């Protein structure tokens, strides 16, 4: 599965040299959603330290750059409820940037 995921990410990145910066500088949530569409077992993770979304598939974590190392502050996005105002800010400033 790991090689399939990395191939998907690599093939996706070949579409444009700008995709890494697009999906690491503001639109990471949308790439995470794309990964969940392609790999239904993927779980969207939010990293509060990095202010970054990525996915967890099995025991590994991925974003547009490939496999990444999560911080210990990362949480499953659907379970991010510790601070409702913070969640609203993330939705407003990160997810709904368009």
C-alpha atoms as a PDB file:
ATOM      1  CA  UNK A   1       0.000   0.000   0.000  1.00  0.00           C
ATOM      2  CA  UNK A   2       2.827   2.430   0.919  1.00  0.00           C
ATOM      3  CA  UNK A   3       4.327   2.263  -2.588  1.00  0.00           C
ATOM      4  CA  UNK A   4       0.886   2.788  -4.140  1.00  0.00           C
ATOM      5  CA  UNK A   5       0.331   5.902  -2.039  1.00  0.00           C
ATOM      6  CA  UNK A   6       3.762   7.321  -2.853  1.00  0.00           C
ATOM      7  CA  UNK A   7       3.188   6.617  -6.561  1.00  0.00           C
ATOM      8  CA  UNK A   8      -0.167   8.416  -6.433  1.00  0.00           C
ATOM      9  CA  UNK A   9       1.442  11.437  -4.732  1.00  0.00           C
ATOM     10  CA  UNK A  10       4.379  11.411  -7.159  1.00  0.00           C
ATOM     11  CA  UNK A  11       2.106  11.185 -10.203  1.00  0.00           C
ATOM     12  CA  UNK A  12      -0.060  13.977  -8.827  1.00  0.00           C
ATOM     13  CA  UNK A  13       2.983  16.214  -8.249  1.00  0.00           C
ATOM     14  CA  UNK A  14       4.136  15.712 -11.850  1.00  0.00           C
ATOM     15  CA  UNK A  15       1.169  17.774 -13.032  1.00  0.00           C
ATOM     16  CA  UNK A  16       2.826  21.043 -11.989  1.00  0.00           C
ATOM     17  CA  UNK A  17       6.015  22.115 -10.248  1.00  0.00           C
ATOM     18  CA  UNK A  18       3.945  24.519  -8.141  1.00  0.00           C
ATOM     19  CA  UNK A  19       1.754  21.873  -6.483  1.00  0.00           C
ATOM     20  CA  UNK A  20       4.046  21.291  -3.505  1.00  0.00           C
ATOM     21  CA  UNK A  21       3.976  24.961  -2.560  1.00  0.00           C
ATOM     22  CA  UNK A  22       0.212  25.198  -3.180  1.00  0.00           C
ATOM     23  CA  UNK A  23      -0.549  22.259  -0.899  1.00  0.00           C
ATOM     24  CA  UNK A  24       1.973  23.156   1.805  1.00  0.00           C
ATOM     25  CA  UNK A  25       1.221  26.876   1.954  1.00  0.00           C
ATOM     26  CA  UNK A  26      -2.484  27.076   2.604  1.00  0.00           C
ATOM     27  CA  UNK A  27      -4.370  24.300   0.851  1.00  0.00           C
ATOM     28  CA  UNK A  28      -3.115  21.224   2.703  1.00  0.00           C
ATOM     29  CA  UNK A  29      -6.647  20.357   3.855  1.00  0.00           C
ATOM     30  CA  UNK A  30      -7.767  19.928   0.252  1.00  0.00           C
ATOM     31  CA  UNK A  31      -4.922  17.562  -0.570  1.00  0.00           C
ATOM     32  CA  UNK A  32      -5.822  15.542   2.518  1.00  0.00           C
ATOM     33  CA  UNK A  33      -9.417  15.351   1.241  1.00  0.00           C
ATOM     34  CA  UNK A  34      -8.140  14.161  -2.149  1.00  0.00           C
ATOM     35  CA  UNK A  35      -6.124  11.438  -0.451  1.00  0.00           C
ATOM     36  CA  UNK A  36      -9.204  10.291   1.478  1.00  0.00           C
ATOM     37  CA  UNK A  37     -11.144  10.132  -1.795  1.00  0.00           C
ATOM     38  CA  UNK A  38      -8.454   7.960  -3.387  1.00  0.00           C
ATOM     39  CA  UNK A  39      -7.675   5.932  -0.248  1.00  0.00           C
ATOM     40  CA  UNK A  40     -10.913   5.562   1.768  1.00  0.00           C
ATOM     41  CA  UNK A  41      -9.059   4.179   4.786  1.00  0.00           C
ATOM     42  CA  UNK A  42      -7.183   7.495   5.144  1.00  0.00           C
ATOM     43  CA  UNK A  43      -7.929   9.618   8.196  1.00  0.00           C
ATOM     44  CA  UNK A  44      -7.441  13.391   8.104  1.00  0.00           C
ATOM     45  CA  UNK A  45      -5.060  14.609  10.785  1.00  0.00           C
ATOM     46  CA  UNK A  46      -4.566  18.178  11.980  1.00  0.00           C
ATOM     47  CA  UNK A  47      -1.189  19.141  13.409  1.00  0.00           C
ATOM     48  CA  UNK A  48      -1.653  22.085  15.750  1.00  0.00           C
ATOM     49  CA  UNK A  49       2.086  22.843  15.957  1.00  0.00           C
ATOM     50  CA  UNK A  50       2.631  22.923  12.195  1.00  0.00           C
ATOM     51  CA  UNK A  51      -0.882  24.263  11.466  1.00  0.00           C
ATOM     52  CA  UNK A  52      -1.003  21.564   8.798  1.00  0.00           C
ATOM     53  CA  UNK A  53      -3.405  18.893   7.570  1.00  0.00           C
ATOM     54  CA  UNK A  54      -2.301  15.499   6.303  1.00  0.00           C
ATOM     55  CA  UNK A  55      -3.575  11.940   6.388  1.00  0.00           C
ATOM     56  CA  UNK A  56      -2.814   8.797   8.298  1.00  0.00           C
ATOM     57  CA  UNK A  57      -3.048   5.532   6.398  1.00  0.00           C
ATOM     58  CA  UNK A  58      -2.201   2.539   8.501  1.00  0.00           C
ATOM     59  CA  UNK A  59       0.737   3.619  10.655  1.00  0.00           C
ATOM     60  CA  UNK A  60       2.136   6.133   8.152  1.00  0.00           C
ATOM     61  CA  UNK A  61       1.387   9.799   7.509  1.00  0.00           C
ATOM     62  CA  UNK A  62       1.316  11.545   4.137  1.00  0.00           C
ATOM     63  CA  UNK A  63       0.953  14.963   2.569  1.00  0.00           C
ATOM     64  CA  UNK A  64       1.886  16.379  -0.850  1.00  0.00           C
ATOM     65  CA  UNK A  65       5.582  15.874  -0.053  1.00  0.00           C
ATOM     66  CA  UNK A  66       5.170  12.128   0.516  1.00  0.00           C
ATOM     67  CA  UNK A  67       5.582  10.330   3.822  1.00  0.00           C
ATOM     68  CA  UNK A  68       6.018  12.673   6.788  1.00  0.00           C
ATOM     69  CA  UNK A  69       6.702  12.393  10.496  1.00  0.00           C
ATOM     70  CA  UNK A  70       3.807  13.610  12.655  1.00  0.00           C
ATOM     71  CA  UNK A  71       4.280  15.727  15.729  1.00  0.00           C
ATOM     72  CA  UNK A  72       2.978  14.570  19.074  1.00  0.00           C
ATOM     73  CA  UNK A  73       0.400  17.392  18.927  1.00  0.00           C
ATOM     74  CA  UNK A  74      -1.392  15.960  15.893  1.00  0.00           C
ATOM     75  CA  UNK A  75      -5.023  14.907  16.314  1.00  0.00           C
ATOM     76  CA  UNK A  76      -7.693  13.297  14.172  1.00  0.00           C
ATOM     77  CA  UNK A  77      -9.491  16.279  12.636  1.00  0.00           C
ATOM     78  CA  UNK A  78     -12.978  14.911  13.343  1.00  0.00           C
ATOM     79  CA  UNK A  79     -12.009  14.740  17.029  1.00  0.00           C
ATOM     80  CA  UNK A  80     -10.524  18.259  17.262  1.00  0.00           C
ATOM     81  CA  UNK A  81     -12.957  19.712  19.773  1.00  0.00           C
ATOM     82  CA  UNK A  82     -10.724  20.884  22.610  1.00  0.00           C
ATOM     83  CA  UNK A  83     -11.328  24.523  21.746  1.00  0.00           C
ATOM     84  CA  UNK A  84     -14.375  25.339  19.566  1.00  0.00           C
ATOM     85  CA  UNK A  85     -13.118  28.871  18.822  1.00  0.00           C
ATOM     86  CA  UNK A  86      -9.783  27.515  17.661  1.00  0.00           C
ATOM     87  CA  UNK A  87     -11.562  25.003  15.414  1.00  0.00           C
ATOM     88  CA  UNK A  88     -13.679  27.817  13.939  1.00  0.00           C
ATOM     89  CA  UNK A  89     -10.531  29.852  13.262  1.00  0.00           C
ATOM     90  CA  UNK A  90      -8.911  26.903  11.494  1.00  0.00           C
ATOM     91  CA  UNK A  91     -12.012  26.391   9.372  1.00  0.00           C
ATOM     92  CA  UNK A  92     -12.146  30.105   8.538  1.00  0.00           C
ATOM     93  CA  UNK A  93      -8.436  30.733   7.965  1.00  0.00           C
ATOM     94  CA  UNK A  94      -7.125  27.418   6.689  1.00  0.00           C
ATOM     95  CA  UNK A  95      -9.949  25.406   5.156  1.00  0.00           C
ATOM     96  CA  UNK A  96     -12.074  28.222   3.707  1.00  0.00           C
ATOM     97  CA  UNK A  97      -9.219  30.286   2.334  1.00  0.00           C
ATOM     98  CA  UNK A  98     -10.597  30.168  -1.181  1.00  0.00           C
END
